[in-house]
Structures are given as C-alpha cells and as structure tokens.
All heavy atoms as atom14 arrays in JSON, in Angstrom:
{
  "sequence": "AGGSLRLSCAASGRAFSSYAIGWFRQAPGKEREFVSTISRSGGGTAY",
  "atom14_mask": [
    [1, 1, 1, 1, 1, 0, 0, 0, 0, 0, 0, 0, 0, 0],
    [1, 1, 1, 1, 0, 0, 0, 0, 0, 0, 0, 0, 0, 0],
    [1, 1, 1, 1, 0, 0, 0, 0, 0, 0, 0, 0, 0, 0],
    [1, 1, 1, 1, 1, 1, 0, 0, 0, 0, 0, 0, 0, 0],
    [1, 1, 1, 1, 1, 1, 1, 1, 0, 0, 0, 0, 0, 0],
    [1, 1, 1, 1, 1, 1, 1, 1, 1, 1, 1, 0, 0, 0],
    [1, 1, 1, 1, 1, 1, 1, 1, 0, 0, 0, 0, 0, 0],
    [1, 1, 1, 1, 1, 1, 0, 0, 0, 0, 0, 0, 0, 0],
    [1, 1, 1, 1, 1, 1, 0, 0, 0, 0, 0, 0, 0, 0],
    [1, 1, 1, 1, 1, 0, 0, 0, 0, 0, 0, 0, 0, 0],
    [1, 1, 1, 1, 1, 0, 0, 0, 0, 0, 0, 0, 0, 0],
    [1, 1, 1, 1, 1, 1, 0, 0, 0, 0, 0, 0, 0, 0],
    [1, 1, 1, 1, 0, 0, 0, 0, 0, 0, 0, 0, 0, 0],
    [1, 1, 1, 1, 1, 1, 1, 1, 1, 1, 1, 0, 0, 0],
    [1, 1, 1, 1, 1, 0, 0, 0, 0, 0, 0, 0, 0, 0],
    [1, 1, 1, 1, 1, 1, 1, 1, 1, 1, 1, 0, 0, 0],
    [1, 1, 1, 1, 1, 1, 0, 0, 0, 0, 0, 0, 0, 0],
    [1, 1, 1, 1, 1, 1, 0, 0, 0, 0, 0, 0, 0, 0],
    [1, 1, 1, 1, 1, 1, 1, 1, 1, 1, 1, 1, 0, 0],
    [1, 1, 1, 1, 1, 0, 0, 0, 0, 0, 0, 0, 0, 0],
    [1, 1, 1, 1, 1, 1, 1, 1, 0, 0, 0, 0, 0, 0],
    [1, 1, 1, 1, 0, 0, 0, 0, 0, 0, 0, 0, 0, 0],
    [1, 1, 1, 1, 1, 1, 1, 1, 1, 1, 1, 1, 1, 1],
    [1, 1, 1, 1, 1, 1, 1, 1, 1, 1, 1, 0, 0, 0],
    [1, 1, 1, 1, 1, 1, 1, 1, 1, 1, 1, 0, 0, 0],
    [1, 1, 1, 1, 1, 1, 1, 1, 1, 0, 0, 0, 0, 0],
    [1, 1, 1, 1, 1, 0, 0, 0, 0, 0, 0, 0, 0, 0],
    [1, 1, 1, 1, 1, 1, 1, 0, 0, 0, 0, 0, 0, 0],
    [1, 1, 1, 1, 0, 0, 0, 0, 0, 0, 0, 0, 0, 0],
    [1, 1, 1, 1, 1, 1, 1, 1, 1, 0, 0, 0, 0, 0],
    [1, 1, 1, 1, 1, 1, 1, 1, 1, 0, 0, 0, 0, 0],
    [1, 1, 1, 1, 1, 1, 1, 1, 1, 1, 1, 0, 0, 0],
    [1, 1, 1, 1, 1, 1, 1, 1, 1, 0, 0, 0, 0, 0],
    [1, 1, 1, 1, 1, 1, 1, 1, 1, 1, 1, 0, 0, 0],
    [1, 1, 1, 1, 1, 1, 1, 0, 0, 0, 0, 0, 0, 0],
    [1, 1, 1, 1, 1, 1, 0, 0, 0, 0, 0, 0, 0, 0],
    [1, 1, 1, 1, 1, 1, 1, 0, 0, 0, 0, 0, 0, 0],
    [1, 1, 1, 1, 1, 1, 1, 1, 0, 0, 0, 0, 0, 0],
    [1, 1, 1, 1, 1, 1, 0, 0, 0, 0, 0, 0, 0, 0],
    [1, 1, 1, 1, 1, 1, 1, 1, 1, 1, 1, 0, 0, 0],
    [1, 1, 1, 1, 1, 1, 0, 0, 0, 0, 0, 0, 0, 0],
    [1, 1, 1, 1, 0, 0, 0, 0, 0, 0, 0, 0, 0, 0],
    [1, 1, 1, 1, 0, 0, 0, 0, 0, 0, 0, 0, 0, 0],
    [1, 1, 1, 1, 0, 0, 0, 0, 0, 0, 0, 0, 0, 0],
    [1, 1, 1, 1, 1, 1, 1, 0, 0, 0, 0, 0, 0, 0],
    [1, 1, 1, 1, 1, 0, 0, 0, 0, 0, 0, 0, 0, 0],
    [1, 1, 1, 1, 1, 1, 1, 1, 1, 1, 1, 1, 0, 0]
  ],
  "atom14_positions": [
    [[118.15, -39.36, -91.87], [117.38, -39.79, -93.03], [116.45, -40.95, -92.63], [116.87, -41.85, -91.89], [118.3, -40.21, -94.16], [0.0, 0.0, 0.0], [0.0, 0.0, 0.0], [0.0, 0.0, 0.0], [0.0, 0.0, 0.0], [0.0, 0.0, 0.0], [0.0, 0.0, 0.0], [0.0, 0.0, 0.0], [0.0, 0.0, 0.0], [0.0, 0.0, 0.0]],
    [[115.22, -40.87, -93.12], [114.22, -41.86, -92.75], [113.39, -41.49, -91.55], [112.37, -42.13, -91.28], [0.0, 0.0, 0.0], [0.0, 0.0, 0.0], [0.0, 0.0, 0.0], [0.0, 0.0, 0.0], [0.0, 0.0, 0.0], [0.0, 0.0, 0.0], [0.0, 0.0, 0.0], [0.0, 0.0, 0.0], [0.0, 0.0, 0.0], [0.0, 0.0, 0.0]],
    [[113.8, -40.45, -90.86], [113.08, -40.01, -89.66], [111.91, -39.12, -89.99], [111.58, -38.89, -91.17], [0.0, 0.0, 0.0], [0.0, 0.0, 0.0], [0.0, 0.0, 0.0], [0.0, 0.0, 0.0], [0.0, 0.0, 0.0], [0.0, 0.0, 0.0], [0.0, 0.0, 0.0], [0.0, 0.0, 0.0], [0.0, 0.0, 0.0], [0.0, 0.0, 0.0]],
    [[111.29, -38.6, -88.93], [110.08, -37.78, -89.06], [110.19, -36.52, -88.24], [110.89, -36.48, -87.2], [108.85, -38.57, -88.6], [108.64, -39.71, -89.39], [0.0, 0.0, 0.0], [0.0, 0.0, 0.0], [0.0, 0.0, 0.0], [0.0, 0.0, 0.0], [0.0, 0.0, 0.0], [0.0, 0.0, 0.0], [0.0, 0.0, 0.0], [0.0, 0.0, 0.0]],
    [[109.49, -35.5, -88.69], [109.3, -34.26, -87.94], [107.89, -33.76, -88.21], [107.33, -34.02, -89.28], [110.3, -33.18, -88.38], [111.75, -33.27, -87.93], [112.57, -32.2, -88.62], [111.88, -33.16, -86.42], [0.0, 0.0, 0.0], [0.0, 0.0, 0.0], [0.0, 0.0, 0.0], [0.0, 0.0, 0.0], [0.0, 0.0, 0.0], [0.0, 0.0, 0.0]],
    [[107.36, -33.02, -87.25], [106.09, -32.35, -87.47], [106.28, -30.86, -87.26], [106.62, -30.41, -86.16], [104.98, -32.85, -86.54], [103.62, -32.3, -86.94], [102.48, -32.83, -86.1], [102.39, -32.17, -84.8], [101.28, -32.15, -84.06], [100.18, -32.72, -84.51], [101.29, -31.54, -82.89], [0.0, 0.0, 0.0], [0.0, 0.0, 0.0], [0.0, 0.0, 0.0]],
    [[106.06, -30.12, -88.31], [106.13, -28.67, -88.23], [104.76, -28.1, -87.88], [103.74, -28.65, -88.31], [106.6, -28.08, -89.56], [107.93, -28.58, -90.11], [108.3, -27.79, -91.37], [109.03, -28.5, -89.08], [0.0, 0.0, 0.0], [0.0, 0.0, 0.0], [0.0, 0.0, 0.0], [0.0, 0.0, 0.0], [0.0, 0.0, 0.0], [0.0, 0.0, 0.0]],
    [[104.77, -27.01, -87.14], [103.55, -26.3, -86.8], [103.64, -24.87, -87.29], [104.72, -24.27, -87.28], [103.31, -26.3, -85.29], [103.14, -27.6, -84.8], [0.0, 0.0, 0.0], [0.0, 0.0, 0.0], [0.0, 0.0, 0.0], [0.0, 0.0, 0.0], [0.0, 0.0, 0.0], [0.0, 0.0, 0.0], [0.0, 0.0, 0.0], [0.0, 0.0, 0.0]],
    [[102.53, -24.35, -87.7], [102.42, -22.95, -88.11], [101.27, -22.36, -87.29], [100.1, -22.64, -87.56], [102.13, -22.86, -89.6], [101.79, -21.19, -90.2], [0.0, 0.0, 0.0], [0.0, 0.0, 0.0], [0.0, 0.0, 0.0], [0.0, 0.0, 0.0], [0.0, 0.0, 0.0], [0.0, 0.0, 0.0], [0.0, 0.0, 0.0], [0.0, 0.0, 0.0]],
    [[101.63, -21.58, -86.28], [100.63, -20.99, -85.4], [100.32, -19.58, -85.84], [101.23, -18.79, -86.1], [101.13, -21.0, -83.97], [0.0, 0.0, 0.0], [0.0, 0.0, 0.0], [0.0, 0.0, 0.0], [0.0, 0.0, 0.0], [0.0, 0.0, 0.0], [0.0, 0.0, 0.0], [0.0, 0.0, 0.0], [0.0, 0.0, 0.0], [0.0, 0.0, 0.0]],
    [[99.05, -19.28, -85.91], [98.63, -17.97, -86.4], [97.95, -17.17, -85.31], [97.22, -17.72, -84.48], [97.67, -18.14, -87.58], [0.0, 0.0, 0.0], [0.0, 0.0, 0.0], [0.0, 0.0, 0.0], [0.0, 0.0, 0.0], [0.0, 0.0, 0.0], [0.0, 0.0, 0.0], [0.0, 0.0, 0.0], [0.0, 0.0, 0.0], [0.0, 0.0, 0.0]],
    [[98.21, -15.89, -85.31], [97.47, -14.97, -84.45], [96.82, -13.92, -85.34], [97.26, -13.69, -86.46], [98.42, -14.3, -83.45], [99.43, -13.58, -84.12], [0.0, 0.0, 0.0], [0.0, 0.0, 0.0], [0.0, 0.0, 0.0], [0.0, 0.0, 0.0], [0.0, 0.0, 0.0], [0.0, 0.0, 0.0], [0.0, 0.0, 0.0], [0.0, 0.0, 0.0]],
    [[95.8, -13.32, -84.83], [95.07, -12.38, -85.66], [93.65, -12.88, -85.86], [93.23, -13.88, -85.29], [0.0, 0.0, 0.0], [0.0, 0.0, 0.0], [0.0, 0.0, 0.0], [0.0, 0.0, 0.0], [0.0, 0.0, 0.0], [0.0, 0.0, 0.0], [0.0, 0.0, 0.0], [0.0, 0.0, 0.0], [0.0, 0.0, 0.0], [0.0, 0.0, 0.0]],
    [[92.95, -12.21, -86.7], [91.54, -12.49, -86.86], [91.25, -13.47, -87.97], [91.94, -13.54, -88.96], [90.81, -11.17, -87.15], [90.97, -10.14, -86.06], [90.28, -8.85, -86.44], [88.87, -9.04, -86.66], [88.06, -8.06, -87.06], [88.55, -6.86, -87.33], [86.79, -8.29, -87.23], [0.0, 0.0, 0.0], [0.0, 0.0, 0.0], [0.0, 0.0, 0.0]],
    [[90.19, -14.24, -87.78], [89.59, -15.05, -88.85], [90.59, -15.99, -89.52], [90.67, -16.04, -90.75], [88.95, -14.13, -89.89], [0.0, 0.0, 0.0], [0.0, 0.0, 0.0], [0.0, 0.0, 0.0], [0.0, 0.0, 0.0], [0.0, 0.0, 0.0], [0.0, 0.0, 0.0], [0.0, 0.0, 0.0], [0.0, 0.0, 0.0], [0.0, 0.0, 0.0]],
    [[91.3, -16.76, -88.73], [92.27, -17.71, -89.3], [91.6, -18.65, -90.29], [92.18, -19.04, -91.3], [92.91, -18.51, -88.16], [93.81, -19.6, -88.62], [95.03, -19.31, -89.21], [93.46, -20.93, -88.47], [95.9, -20.31, -89.63], [94.3, -21.95, -88.89], [95.52, -21.64, -89.47], [0.0, 0.0, 0.0], [0.0, 0.0, 0.0], [0.0, 0.0, 0.0]],
    [[90.36, -19.01, -90.03], [89.66, -19.96, -90.9], [89.31, -19.36, -92.26], [88.77, -20.06, -93.11], [88.4, -20.47, -90.21], [87.52, -19.4, -89.93], [0.0, 0.0, 0.0], [0.0, 0.0, 0.0], [0.0, 0.0, 0.0], [0.0, 0.0, 0.0], [0.0, 0.0, 0.0], [0.0, 0.0, 0.0], [0.0, 0.0, 0.0], [0.0, 0.0, 0.0]],
    [[89.61, -18.11, -92.47], [89.39, -17.48, -93.78], [90.62, -17.58, -94.68], [90.55, -17.19, -95.85], [89.05, -15.99, -93.61], [87.85, -15.83, -92.88], [0.0, 0.0, 0.0], [0.0, 0.0, 0.0], [0.0, 0.0, 0.0], [0.0, 0.0, 0.0], [0.0, 0.0, 0.0], [0.0, 0.0, 0.0], [0.0, 0.0, 0.0], [0.0, 0.0, 0.0]],
    [[91.72, -18.11, -94.14], [92.99, -18.11, -94.86], [93.36, -19.5, -95.35], [93.29, -20.47, -94.61], [94.11, -17.62, -93.94], [94.02, -16.14, -93.61], [93.21, -15.69, -92.58], [94.75, -15.21, -94.33], [93.12, -14.34, -92.28], [94.68, -13.85, -94.03], [93.86, -13.43, -93.01], [93.78, -12.09, -92.72], [0.0, 0.0, 0.0], [0.0, 0.0, 0.0]],
    [[93.77, -19.55, -96.6], [94.48, -20.73, -97.09], [95.93, -20.61, -96.64], [96.47, -19.51, -96.53], [94.41, -20.82, -98.61], [0.0, 0.0, 0.0], [0.0, 0.0, 0.0], [0.0, 0.0, 0.0], [0.0, 0.0, 0.0], [0.0, 0.0, 0.0], [0.0, 0.0, 0.0], [0.0, 0.0, 0.0], [0.0, 0.0, 0.0], [0.0, 0.0, 0.0]],
    [[96.54, -21.75, -96.38], [97.91, -21.79, -95.87], [98.79, -22.61, -96.8], [98.38, -23.65, -97.33], [97.96, -22.42, -94.47], [97.05, -21.65, -93.5], [99.4, -22.47, -93.95], [97.48, -20.25, -93.2], [0.0, 0.0, 0.0], [0.0, 0.0, 0.0], [0.0, 0.0, 0.0], [0.0, 0.0, 0.0], [0.0, 0.0, 0.0], [0.0, 0.0, 0.0]],
    [[99.99, -22.13, -97.01], [100.96, -22.88, -97.8], [102.24, -23.09, -97.03], [102.59, -22.29, -96.16], [0.0, 0.0, 0.0], [0.0, 0.0, 0.0], [0.0, 0.0, 0.0], [0.0, 0.0, 0.0], [0.0, 0.0, 0.0], [0.0, 0.0, 0.0], [0.0, 0.0, 0.0], [0.0, 0.0, 0.0], [0.0, 0.0, 0.0], [0.0, 0.0, 0.0]],
    [[102.9, -24.18, -97.31], [104.26, -24.44, -96.81], [105.22, -24.36, -97.99], [104.96, -24.94, -99.06], [104.37, -25.81, -96.17], [103.81, -25.92, -94.79], [102.61, -26.42, -94.43], [104.45, -25.53, -93.57], [102.44, -26.37, -93.07], [103.57, -25.83, -92.51], [105.69, -24.96, -93.26], [103.87, -25.58, -91.17], [106.0, -24.72, -91.93], [105.1, -25.01, -90.91]],
    [[106.31, -23.66, -97.77], [107.37, -23.52, -98.77], [108.69, -23.82, -98.09], [108.78, -23.81, -96.86], [107.38, -22.1, -99.34], [106.14, -21.76, -100.13], [104.97, -21.4, -99.49], [106.14, -21.83, -101.52], [103.82, -21.11, -100.21], [105.01, -21.54, -102.25], [103.84, -21.19, -101.58], [0.0, 0.0, 0.0], [0.0, 0.0, 0.0], [0.0, 0.0, 0.0]],
    [[109.7, -24.09, -98.89], [111.02, -24.3, -98.32], [112.08, -23.68, -99.22], [111.89, -23.53, -100.43], [111.29, -25.79, -98.12], [111.38, -26.61, -99.41], [111.48, -28.09, -99.06], [111.61, -28.91, -100.27], [111.59, -30.23, -100.27], [111.43, -30.9, -99.14], [111.73, -30.9, -101.4], [0.0, 0.0, 0.0], [0.0, 0.0, 0.0], [0.0, 0.0, 0.0]],
    [[113.2, -23.36, -98.58], [114.3, -22.75, -99.31], [115.61, -23.32, -98.81], [115.95, -23.17, -97.63], [114.29, -21.23, -99.17], [115.27, -20.52, -100.07], [115.01, -19.02, -100.14], [114.32, -18.45, -99.31], [115.54, -18.39, -101.17], [0.0, 0.0, 0.0], [0.0, 0.0, 0.0], [0.0, 0.0, 0.0], [0.0, 0.0, 0.0], [0.0, 0.0, 0.0]],
    [[116.31, -23.97, -99.7], [117.63, -24.5, -99.41], [118.68, -23.46, -99.8], [118.41, -22.6, -100.65], [117.85, -25.8, -100.16], [0.0, 0.0, 0.0], [0.0, 0.0, 0.0], [0.0, 0.0, 0.0], [0.0, 0.0, 0.0], [0.0, 0.0, 0.0], [0.0, 0.0, 0.0], [0.0, 0.0, 0.0], [0.0, 0.0, 0.0], [0.0, 0.0, 0.0]],
    [[119.87, -23.54, -99.22], [120.91, -22.56, -99.55], [121.2, -22.51, -101.04], [121.38, -23.55, -101.68], [122.12, -23.07, -98.77], [121.55, -23.82, -97.63], [120.3, -24.47, -98.17], [0.0, 0.0, 0.0], [0.0, 0.0, 0.0], [0.0, 0.0, 0.0], [0.0, 0.0, 0.0], [0.0, 0.0, 0.0], [0.0, 0.0, 0.0], [0.0, 0.0, 0.0]],
    [[121.2, -21.3, -101.59], [121.51, -21.12, -103.0], [120.39, -21.47, -103.95], [120.57, -21.43, -105.17], [0.0, 0.0, 0.0], [0.0, 0.0, 0.0], [0.0, 0.0, 0.0], [0.0, 0.0, 0.0], [0.0, 0.0, 0.0], [0.0, 0.0, 0.0], [0.0, 0.0, 0.0], [0.0, 0.0, 0.0], [0.0, 0.0, 0.0], [0.0, 0.0, 0.0]],
    [[119.23, -21.8, -103.4], [118.09, -22.17, -104.25], [116.92, -21.24, -104.01], [116.84, -20.56, -102.98], [117.68, -23.62, -103.99], [118.73, -24.63, -104.38], [118.19, -26.04, -104.26], [119.2, -27.07, -104.74], [118.67, -28.46, -104.66], [0.0, 0.0, 0.0], [0.0, 0.0, 0.0], [0.0, 0.0, 0.0], [0.0, 0.0, 0.0], [0.0, 0.0, 0.0]],
    [[116.01, -21.24, -104.96], [114.81, -20.43, -104.8], [113.84, -21.1, -103.84], [113.87, -22.31, -103.63], [114.14, -20.23, -106.16], [114.93, -19.33, -107.11], [114.06, -18.69, -108.15], [112.86, -19.0, -108.24], [114.59, -17.85, -108.91], [0.0, 0.0, 0.0], [0.0, 0.0, 0.0], [0.0, 0.0, 0.0], [0.0, 0.0, 0.0], [0.0, 0.0, 0.0]],
    [[112.97, -20.27, -103.27], [111.94, -20.81, -102.4], [110.96, -21.62, -103.24], [110.48, -21.15, -104.27], [111.23, -19.66, -101.69], [110.36, -20.08, -100.53], [109.91, -18.89, -99.71], [111.04, -18.2, -99.11], [110.93, -17.23, -98.2], [109.72, -16.85, -97.8], [112.0, -16.65, -97.71], [0.0, 0.0, 0.0], [0.0, 0.0, 0.0], [0.0, 0.0, 0.0]],
    [[110.64, -22.82, -102.78], [109.8, -23.71, -103.57], [108.58, -24.16, -102.79], [108.61, -24.28, -101.56], [110.58, -24.93, -104.05], [111.06, -25.86, -102.96], [111.7, -27.13, -103.51], [111.85, -27.27, -104.73], [112.04, -27.99, -102.69], [0.0, 0.0, 0.0], [0.0, 0.0, 0.0], [0.0, 0.0, 0.0], [0.0, 0.0, 0.0], [0.0, 0.0, 0.0]],
    [[107.54, -24.45, -103.52], [106.29, -24.93, -102.96], [106.46, -26.33, -102.39], [107.11, -27.19, -103.0], [105.22, -24.93, -104.05], [103.98, -25.68, -103.7], [103.04, -25.14, -102.85], [103.74, -26.94, -104.23], [101.89, -25.82, -102.52], [102.6, -27.64, -103.93], [101.67, -27.09, -103.07], [0.0, 0.0, 0.0], [0.0, 0.0, 0.0], [0.0, 0.0, 0.0]],
    [[105.85, -26.56, -101.23], [105.85, -27.88, -100.61], [104.42, -28.43, -100.53], [104.14, -29.53, -100.99], [106.47, -27.83, -99.21], [106.34, -29.19, -98.52], [107.93, -27.4, -99.27], [0.0, 0.0, 0.0], [0.0, 0.0, 0.0], [0.0, 0.0, 0.0], [0.0, 0.0, 0.0], [0.0, 0.0, 0.0], [0.0, 0.0, 0.0], [0.0, 0.0, 0.0]],
    [[103.52, -27.64, -99.93], [102.16, -28.13, -99.72], [101.25, -26.94, -99.43], [101.7, -25.87, -99.04], [102.13, -29.12, -98.55], [100.83, -29.65, -98.37], [0.0, 0.0, 0.0], [0.0, 0.0, 0.0], [0.0, 0.0, 0.0], [0.0, 0.0, 0.0], [0.0, 0.0, 0.0], [0.0, 0.0, 0.0], [0.0, 0.0, 0.0], [0.0, 0.0, 0.0]],
    [[99.95, -27.17, -99.61], [98.98, -26.12, -99.34], [97.67, -26.75, -98.87], [97.38, -27.91, -99.19], [98.74, -25.25, -100.59], [97.76, -24.24, -100.29], [98.24, -26.08, -101.76], [0.0, 0.0, 0.0], [0.0, 0.0, 0.0], [0.0, 0.0, 0.0], [0.0, 0.0, 0.0], [0.0, 0.0, 0.0], [0.0, 0.0, 0.0], [0.0, 0.0, 0.0]],
    [[96.91, -25.99, -98.09], [95.64, -26.47, -97.59], [94.62, -25.34, -97.65], [94.94, -24.18, -97.39], [95.81, -27.02, -96.15], [94.54, -27.73, -95.68], [96.21, -25.92, -95.17], [94.75, -28.59, -94.43], [0.0, 0.0, 0.0], [0.0, 0.0, 0.0], [0.0, 0.0, 0.0], [0.0, 0.0, 0.0], [0.0, 0.0, 0.0], [0.0, 0.0, 0.0]],
    [[93.4, -25.7, -98.01], [92.34, -24.71, -98.11], [91.9, -24.25, -96.73], [92.26, -24.85, -95.71], [91.15, -25.31, -98.85], [90.6, -26.38, -98.1], [0.0, 0.0, 0.0], [0.0, 0.0, 0.0], [0.0, 0.0, 0.0], [0.0, 0.0, 0.0], [0.0, 0.0, 0.0], [0.0, 0.0, 0.0], [0.0, 0.0, 0.0], [0.0, 0.0, 0.0]],
    [[91.11, -23.21, -96.7], [90.71, -22.66, -95.41], [89.86, -23.64, -94.61], [89.87, -23.63, -93.39], [89.98, -21.34, -95.61], [88.61, -21.45, -96.25], [88.03, -20.1, -96.57], [86.62, -20.19, -96.88], [85.95, -19.26, -97.54], [86.57, -18.17, -97.95], [84.66, -19.41, -97.76], [0.0, 0.0, 0.0], [0.0, 0.0, 0.0], [0.0, 0.0, 0.0]],
    [[89.12, -24.49, -95.3], [88.27, -25.49, -94.63], [89.05, -26.74, -94.25], [88.57, -27.55, -93.45], [87.12, -25.87, -95.54], [87.59, -26.61, -96.66], [0.0, 0.0, 0.0], [0.0, 0.0, 0.0], [0.0, 0.0, 0.0], [0.0, 0.0, 0.0], [0.0, 0.0, 0.0], [0.0, 0.0, 0.0], [0.0, 0.0, 0.0], [0.0, 0.0, 0.0]],
    [[90.21, -26.91, -94.87], [90.96, -28.15, -94.7], [90.56, -29.24, -95.66], [91.2, -30.28, -95.72], [0.0, 0.0, 0.0], [0.0, 0.0, 0.0], [0.0, 0.0, 0.0], [0.0, 0.0, 0.0], [0.0, 0.0, 0.0], [0.0, 0.0, 0.0], [0.0, 0.0, 0.0], [0.0, 0.0, 0.0], [0.0, 0.0, 0.0], [0.0, 0.0, 0.0]],
    [[89.52, -28.99, -96.46], [89.04, -30.02, -97.36], [89.81, -30.16, -98.65], [89.65, -31.13, -99.38], [0.0, 0.0, 0.0], [0.0, 0.0, 0.0], [0.0, 0.0, 0.0], [0.0, 0.0, 0.0], [0.0, 0.0, 0.0], [0.0, 0.0, 0.0], [0.0, 0.0, 0.0], [0.0, 0.0, 0.0], [0.0, 0.0, 0.0], [0.0, 0.0, 0.0]],
    [[90.64, -29.17, -98.94], [91.46, -29.23, -100.15], [92.93, -29.16, -99.8], [93.34, -28.3, -99.01], [0.0, 0.0, 0.0], [0.0, 0.0, 0.0], [0.0, 0.0, 0.0], [0.0, 0.0, 0.0], [0.0, 0.0, 0.0], [0.0, 0.0, 0.0], [0.0, 0.0, 0.0], [0.0, 0.0, 0.0], [0.0, 0.0, 0.0], [0.0, 0.0, 0.0]],
    [[93.71, -30.08, -100.34], [95.15, -30.08, -100.09], [95.89, -30.39, -101.39], [95.33, -31.0, -102.32], [95.56, -31.12, -99.04], [95.18, -32.43, -99.5], [94.88, -30.86, -97.71], [0.0, 0.0, 0.0], [0.0, 0.0, 0.0], [0.0, 0.0, 0.0], [0.0, 0.0, 0.0], [0.0, 0.0, 0.0], [0.0, 0.0, 0.0], [0.0, 0.0, 0.0]],
    [[97.14, -30.01, -101.44], [97.98, -30.31, -102.59], [99.43, -30.39, -102.13], [99.8, -29.79, -101.11], [97.82, -29.27, -103.68], [0.0, 0.0, 0.0], [0.0, 0.0, 0.0], [0.0, 0.0, 0.0], [0.0, 0.0, 0.0], [0.0, 0.0, 0.0], [0.0, 0.0, 0.0], [0.0, 0.0, 0.0], [0.0, 0.0, 0.0], [0.0, 0.0, 0.0]],
    [[100.22, -31.15, -102.9], [101.61, -31.39, -102.53], [102.52, -31.28, -103.75], [102.11, -31.6, -104.88], [101.77, -32.78, -101.94], [100.95, -33.02, -100.7], [99.65, -33.5, -100.77], [101.48, -32.75, -99.43], [98.9, -33.7, -99.63], [100.73, -32.95, -98.29], [99.44, -33.43, -98.4], [98.69, -33.62, -97.27], [0.0, 0.0, 0.0], [0.0, 0.0, 0.0]]
  ]
}
C-alpha cells in the first residue's frame, strides 16, 4: 500500500491511433468496473 505500478497495454494490428482505449478492473466476486479512458489522440482522458 502506498506504492506504485505502471501498467502497459501494447497493441498490434492496424491503425492503433484510430482507437480509444479504456482500462477496467475486476476484483473477485465483483463486476468489471471502469478505471480510466483515453481518446485516440490522447487529448481527452477520464477517470
């Protein structure tokens, strides 16, 4: 607790810059929940 991690999401395929990306998480016994999202340009983010 109090520490840090950096997650990476590496994509293969065409036109990665055309995709918006979201991060979600799922704890045991819970539904998958929204964490963060970023627009295809990187100019829009939400948490």
